[in-house]
N, C-alpha and C. Protein backbone atom coordinates (compact mmCIF):
# COMPACT_ATOMS: atom_id res chain seq x y z
N MET A 1 -145.93 92.36 13.00
CA MET A 1 -146.12 92.15 11.56
C MET A 1 -147.46 92.94 11.26
N ARG A 2 -147.42 93.73 10.23
CA ARG A 2 -148.58 94.34 9.76
C ARG A 2 -149.21 93.72 8.49
N ASP A 3 -150.45 93.56 8.47
CA ASP A 3 -151.08 92.88 7.29
C ASP A 3 -151.14 93.82 6.16
N GLY A 4 -151.08 95.17 6.36
CA GLY A 4 -151.21 96.01 5.27
C GLY A 4 -149.95 96.33 4.43
N GLU A 5 -148.85 95.55 4.88
CA GLU A 5 -147.57 95.76 4.16
C GLU A 5 -147.58 94.96 2.89
N PRO A 6 -146.82 95.53 1.90
CA PRO A 6 -146.73 94.82 0.60
C PRO A 6 -145.82 93.52 0.74
N VAL A 7 -145.92 92.54 -0.12
CA VAL A 7 -145.10 91.30 -0.05
C VAL A 7 -143.63 91.73 -0.58
N PHE A 8 -143.60 92.62 -1.50
CA PHE A 8 -142.24 93.12 -2.18
C PHE A 8 -142.21 94.52 -1.79
N LYS A 9 -140.97 94.97 -1.57
CA LYS A 9 -140.75 96.38 -1.38
C LYS A 9 -139.39 96.72 -2.11
N ARG A 10 -139.25 98.08 -2.40
CA ARG A 10 -138.04 98.50 -3.14
C ARG A 10 -136.83 98.29 -2.25
N SER A 11 -135.75 97.94 -2.91
CA SER A 11 -134.42 97.71 -2.21
C SER A 11 -133.96 99.15 -1.66
N LYS A 12 -133.37 99.17 -0.48
CA LYS A 12 -132.81 100.41 0.05
C LYS A 12 -131.38 100.68 -0.44
N TRP A 13 -130.89 99.88 -1.37
CA TRP A 13 -129.52 100.02 -1.83
C TRP A 13 -129.42 100.98 -3.03
N GLY A 14 -130.48 101.65 -3.36
CA GLY A 14 -130.39 102.66 -4.45
C GLY A 14 -130.54 102.06 -5.87
N THR A 15 -131.03 100.71 -5.94
CA THR A 15 -131.21 100.15 -7.19
C THR A 15 -132.80 100.10 -7.41
N ASN A 16 -133.18 99.68 -8.54
CA ASN A 16 -134.56 99.54 -8.92
C ASN A 16 -135.06 98.06 -8.67
N ARG A 17 -134.39 97.34 -7.89
CA ARG A 17 -134.84 95.98 -7.51
C ARG A 17 -135.81 95.95 -6.40
N TYR A 18 -136.54 94.88 -6.38
CA TYR A 18 -137.55 94.64 -5.22
C TYR A 18 -136.98 93.49 -4.38
N VAL A 19 -137.27 93.46 -3.14
CA VAL A 19 -136.92 92.43 -2.30
C VAL A 19 -138.13 92.03 -1.46
N TYR A 20 -138.05 90.77 -0.79
CA TYR A 20 -139.18 90.30 0.08
C TYR A 20 -139.24 91.22 1.23
N ASN A 21 -140.44 91.47 1.68
CA ASN A 21 -140.69 92.33 2.74
C ASN A 21 -140.82 91.43 3.91
N ALA A 22 -139.97 91.46 4.99
CA ALA A 22 -140.13 90.63 6.17
C ALA A 22 -141.22 91.12 7.03
N ASP A 23 -141.81 92.30 6.86
CA ASP A 23 -142.90 92.78 7.66
C ASP A 23 -144.19 92.11 7.31
N ASN A 24 -144.24 91.49 6.18
CA ASN A 24 -145.49 90.80 5.63
C ASN A 24 -145.29 89.33 5.89
N ARG A 25 -146.32 88.62 6.35
CA ARG A 25 -146.29 87.19 6.62
C ARG A 25 -145.81 86.34 5.48
N LEU A 26 -146.47 86.70 4.30
CA LEU A 26 -146.13 85.94 3.01
C LEU A 26 -144.65 86.14 2.65
N GLY A 27 -144.22 87.42 2.78
CA GLY A 27 -142.83 87.81 2.49
C GLY A 27 -141.88 87.10 3.35
N LEU A 28 -142.16 87.03 4.61
CA LEU A 28 -141.38 86.29 5.60
C LEU A 28 -141.29 84.79 5.20
N ALA A 29 -142.41 84.30 4.81
CA ALA A 29 -142.52 82.90 4.46
C ALA A 29 -141.66 82.61 3.17
N LEU A 30 -141.62 83.54 2.23
CA LEU A 30 -140.85 83.41 1.07
C LEU A 30 -139.37 83.44 1.29
N ILE A 31 -139.00 84.35 2.28
CA ILE A 31 -137.64 84.38 2.76
C ILE A 31 -137.07 83.13 3.33
N VAL A 32 -137.92 82.52 4.26
CA VAL A 32 -137.54 81.27 4.87
C VAL A 32 -137.51 80.10 3.91
N LEU A 33 -138.58 80.05 2.93
CA LEU A 33 -138.62 79.04 1.95
C LEU A 33 -137.47 79.08 0.94
N SER A 34 -137.18 80.22 0.44
CA SER A 34 -136.01 80.35 -0.47
C SER A 34 -134.70 80.05 0.16
N SER A 35 -134.56 80.41 1.39
CA SER A 35 -133.33 80.08 2.16
C SER A 35 -133.18 78.56 2.31
N VAL A 36 -134.27 77.82 2.73
CA VAL A 36 -134.25 76.40 2.92
C VAL A 36 -134.01 75.67 1.55
N VAL A 37 -134.62 76.10 0.50
CA VAL A 37 -134.40 75.51 -0.81
C VAL A 37 -132.94 75.75 -1.27
N GLY A 38 -132.36 76.95 -1.03
CA GLY A 38 -131.02 77.19 -1.40
C GLY A 38 -130.02 76.33 -0.54
N LEU A 39 -130.30 76.14 0.65
CA LEU A 39 -129.33 75.38 1.50
C LEU A 39 -129.43 73.93 1.15
N VAL A 40 -130.63 73.37 0.89
CA VAL A 40 -130.86 71.89 0.41
C VAL A 40 -130.08 71.79 -0.93
N ALA A 41 -130.22 72.71 -1.81
CA ALA A 41 -129.52 72.60 -3.09
C ALA A 41 -128.05 72.54 -2.88
N MET A 42 -127.44 73.38 -2.06
CA MET A 42 -126.00 73.46 -1.85
C MET A 42 -125.60 72.15 -1.19
N LEU A 43 -126.39 71.70 -0.22
CA LEU A 43 -125.99 70.45 0.41
C LEU A 43 -125.99 69.22 -0.59
N MET A 44 -126.97 69.18 -1.44
CA MET A 44 -127.04 68.15 -2.49
C MET A 44 -125.84 68.33 -3.47
N LEU A 45 -125.43 69.55 -3.75
CA LEU A 45 -124.28 69.75 -4.62
C LEU A 45 -123.08 69.29 -3.93
N ALA A 46 -122.90 69.56 -2.71
CA ALA A 46 -121.66 69.23 -1.93
C ALA A 46 -121.51 67.73 -1.78
N THR A 47 -122.63 67.06 -1.53
CA THR A 47 -122.58 65.55 -1.36
C THR A 47 -122.79 64.70 -2.67
N LYS A 48 -122.94 65.42 -3.77
CA LYS A 48 -123.20 64.78 -5.11
C LYS A 48 -124.33 63.79 -5.00
N SER A 49 -125.43 64.29 -4.60
CA SER A 49 -126.56 63.37 -4.42
C SER A 49 -127.75 63.98 -5.19
N GLY A 50 -128.76 63.18 -5.34
CA GLY A 50 -129.93 63.71 -6.06
C GLY A 50 -129.72 63.89 -7.56
N PRO A 51 -130.20 64.92 -8.09
CA PRO A 51 -129.92 65.16 -9.52
C PRO A 51 -128.50 65.58 -9.81
N TYR A 52 -127.63 65.83 -8.86
CA TYR A 52 -126.27 66.14 -9.01
C TYR A 52 -125.36 64.93 -8.90
N ALA A 53 -125.98 63.72 -8.73
CA ALA A 53 -125.12 62.51 -8.62
C ALA A 53 -124.43 62.21 -9.91
N ILE A 54 -123.19 61.63 -9.66
CA ILE A 54 -122.34 61.23 -10.87
C ILE A 54 -122.62 59.87 -11.19
N ASP A 55 -122.92 59.63 -12.48
CA ASP A 55 -123.16 58.23 -13.02
C ASP A 55 -121.85 57.45 -13.15
N ASP A 56 -122.03 56.12 -12.97
CA ASP A 56 -120.74 55.39 -13.13
C ASP A 56 -120.37 55.07 -14.61
N GLU A 57 -121.37 55.23 -15.50
CA GLU A 57 -121.17 55.02 -16.95
C GLU A 57 -121.13 56.36 -17.62
N PRO A 58 -120.50 56.51 -18.75
CA PRO A 58 -120.64 57.78 -19.50
C PRO A 58 -121.98 58.02 -20.09
N ALA A 59 -122.30 59.21 -20.37
CA ALA A 59 -123.65 59.46 -20.94
C ALA A 59 -123.90 58.75 -22.28
N THR A 60 -122.88 58.77 -23.10
CA THR A 60 -123.05 58.05 -24.48
C THR A 60 -121.84 57.22 -24.71
N ARG A 61 -122.13 56.10 -25.50
CA ARG A 61 -120.97 55.32 -25.92
C ARG A 61 -120.89 55.31 -27.45
N PRO A 62 -119.74 55.12 -27.95
CA PRO A 62 -119.63 55.12 -29.47
C PRO A 62 -120.29 53.86 -29.86
N SER A 63 -120.87 53.76 -31.06
CA SER A 63 -121.40 52.61 -31.61
C SER A 63 -120.30 51.54 -31.96
N PRO A 64 -120.53 50.31 -31.67
CA PRO A 64 -119.47 49.32 -31.93
C PRO A 64 -119.20 49.15 -33.42
N THR A 65 -120.15 49.51 -34.24
CA THR A 65 -120.06 49.38 -35.68
C THR A 65 -119.51 50.73 -36.28
N SER A 66 -119.11 51.56 -35.54
CA SER A 66 -118.66 52.84 -36.04
C SER A 66 -117.38 52.65 -36.90
N THR A 67 -117.38 53.22 -38.11
CA THR A 67 -116.19 53.06 -38.99
C THR A 67 -115.60 54.42 -39.23
N TYR A 68 -115.77 55.49 -38.52
CA TYR A 68 -115.27 56.75 -38.76
C TYR A 68 -113.73 56.66 -38.46
N VAL A 69 -113.02 57.11 -39.40
CA VAL A 69 -111.51 57.27 -39.30
C VAL A 69 -111.26 58.70 -39.62
N PRO A 70 -110.47 59.45 -38.80
CA PRO A 70 -110.19 60.83 -39.00
C PRO A 70 -109.48 60.92 -40.32
N PRO A 71 -109.56 61.95 -41.07
CA PRO A 71 -108.89 62.10 -42.40
C PRO A 71 -107.39 62.01 -42.35
N TYR A 72 -106.81 62.58 -41.23
CA TYR A 72 -105.32 62.54 -41.14
C TYR A 72 -104.74 61.10 -40.99
N LEU A 73 -105.59 60.17 -40.56
CA LEU A 73 -105.08 58.74 -40.48
C LEU A 73 -105.27 57.96 -41.76
N LEU A 74 -106.13 58.49 -42.75
CA LEU A 74 -106.36 57.73 -44.04
C LEU A 74 -105.13 57.84 -44.84
N PRO A 75 -104.82 56.83 -45.72
CA PRO A 75 -103.70 56.82 -46.65
C PRO A 75 -103.96 57.86 -47.72
N PRO A 76 -102.97 58.43 -48.40
CA PRO A 76 -103.22 59.49 -49.41
C PRO A 76 -103.87 58.76 -50.63
N PRO A 77 -104.82 59.57 -51.32
CA PRO A 77 -105.48 58.92 -52.49
C PRO A 77 -104.59 58.56 -53.55
N THR A 78 -104.82 57.53 -54.23
CA THR A 78 -104.03 57.10 -55.47
C THR A 78 -104.99 56.76 -56.59
N GLY A 79 -104.42 56.71 -57.79
CA GLY A 79 -105.15 56.40 -58.90
C GLY A 79 -105.24 57.55 -59.88
N PRO A 80 -106.14 57.28 -60.94
CA PRO A 80 -106.21 58.43 -61.99
C PRO A 80 -107.03 59.59 -61.49
N TYR A 81 -107.91 59.36 -60.54
CA TYR A 81 -108.81 60.38 -60.09
C TYR A 81 -108.43 60.97 -58.68
N LEU A 82 -108.04 62.18 -58.68
CA LEU A 82 -107.81 62.90 -57.52
C LEU A 82 -108.77 63.99 -57.27
N PRO A 83 -109.68 63.93 -56.28
CA PRO A 83 -110.80 64.95 -56.25
C PRO A 83 -110.28 66.33 -56.05
N THR A 84 -110.88 67.30 -56.73
CA THR A 84 -110.52 68.68 -56.56
C THR A 84 -111.82 69.42 -56.35
N VAL A 85 -111.78 70.67 -55.93
CA VAL A 85 -112.96 71.45 -55.60
C VAL A 85 -113.77 71.69 -56.93
N GLY A 86 -115.16 71.37 -56.86
CA GLY A 86 -115.97 71.60 -58.04
C GLY A 86 -115.91 70.43 -58.99
N SER A 87 -115.10 69.32 -58.90
CA SER A 87 -115.15 68.25 -59.82
C SER A 87 -116.08 67.17 -59.34
N THR A 88 -116.52 66.38 -60.25
CA THR A 88 -117.43 65.16 -59.94
C THR A 88 -116.71 63.92 -60.29
N PRO A 89 -116.95 62.79 -59.57
CA PRO A 89 -116.26 61.57 -59.89
C PRO A 89 -116.75 60.95 -61.18
N PRO A 90 -115.92 60.35 -61.89
CA PRO A 90 -116.25 59.65 -63.22
C PRO A 90 -117.28 58.53 -62.92
N GLY A 91 -118.11 58.32 -63.88
CA GLY A 91 -119.09 57.23 -63.87
C GLY A 91 -120.29 57.60 -63.30
């Protein structure tokens, strides 16, 4: 390993990307560290542990006092006033 080597070097694949330089100690440490972090994250995803754990309860519950009824379930309006676009209710 040479100390004069840069931490990042241009990719040899013909792109303008930079990659870690394994000839530099810090670059090699970054390669090892990023590989370990990636493997641990994949293991946690596979076992559904840590921040990827599945909760037993849903994230939110509907309010017990919720009175929302979808419009298609409501009975048709009756009476002298049938709302139309641009009209205002009497009174």
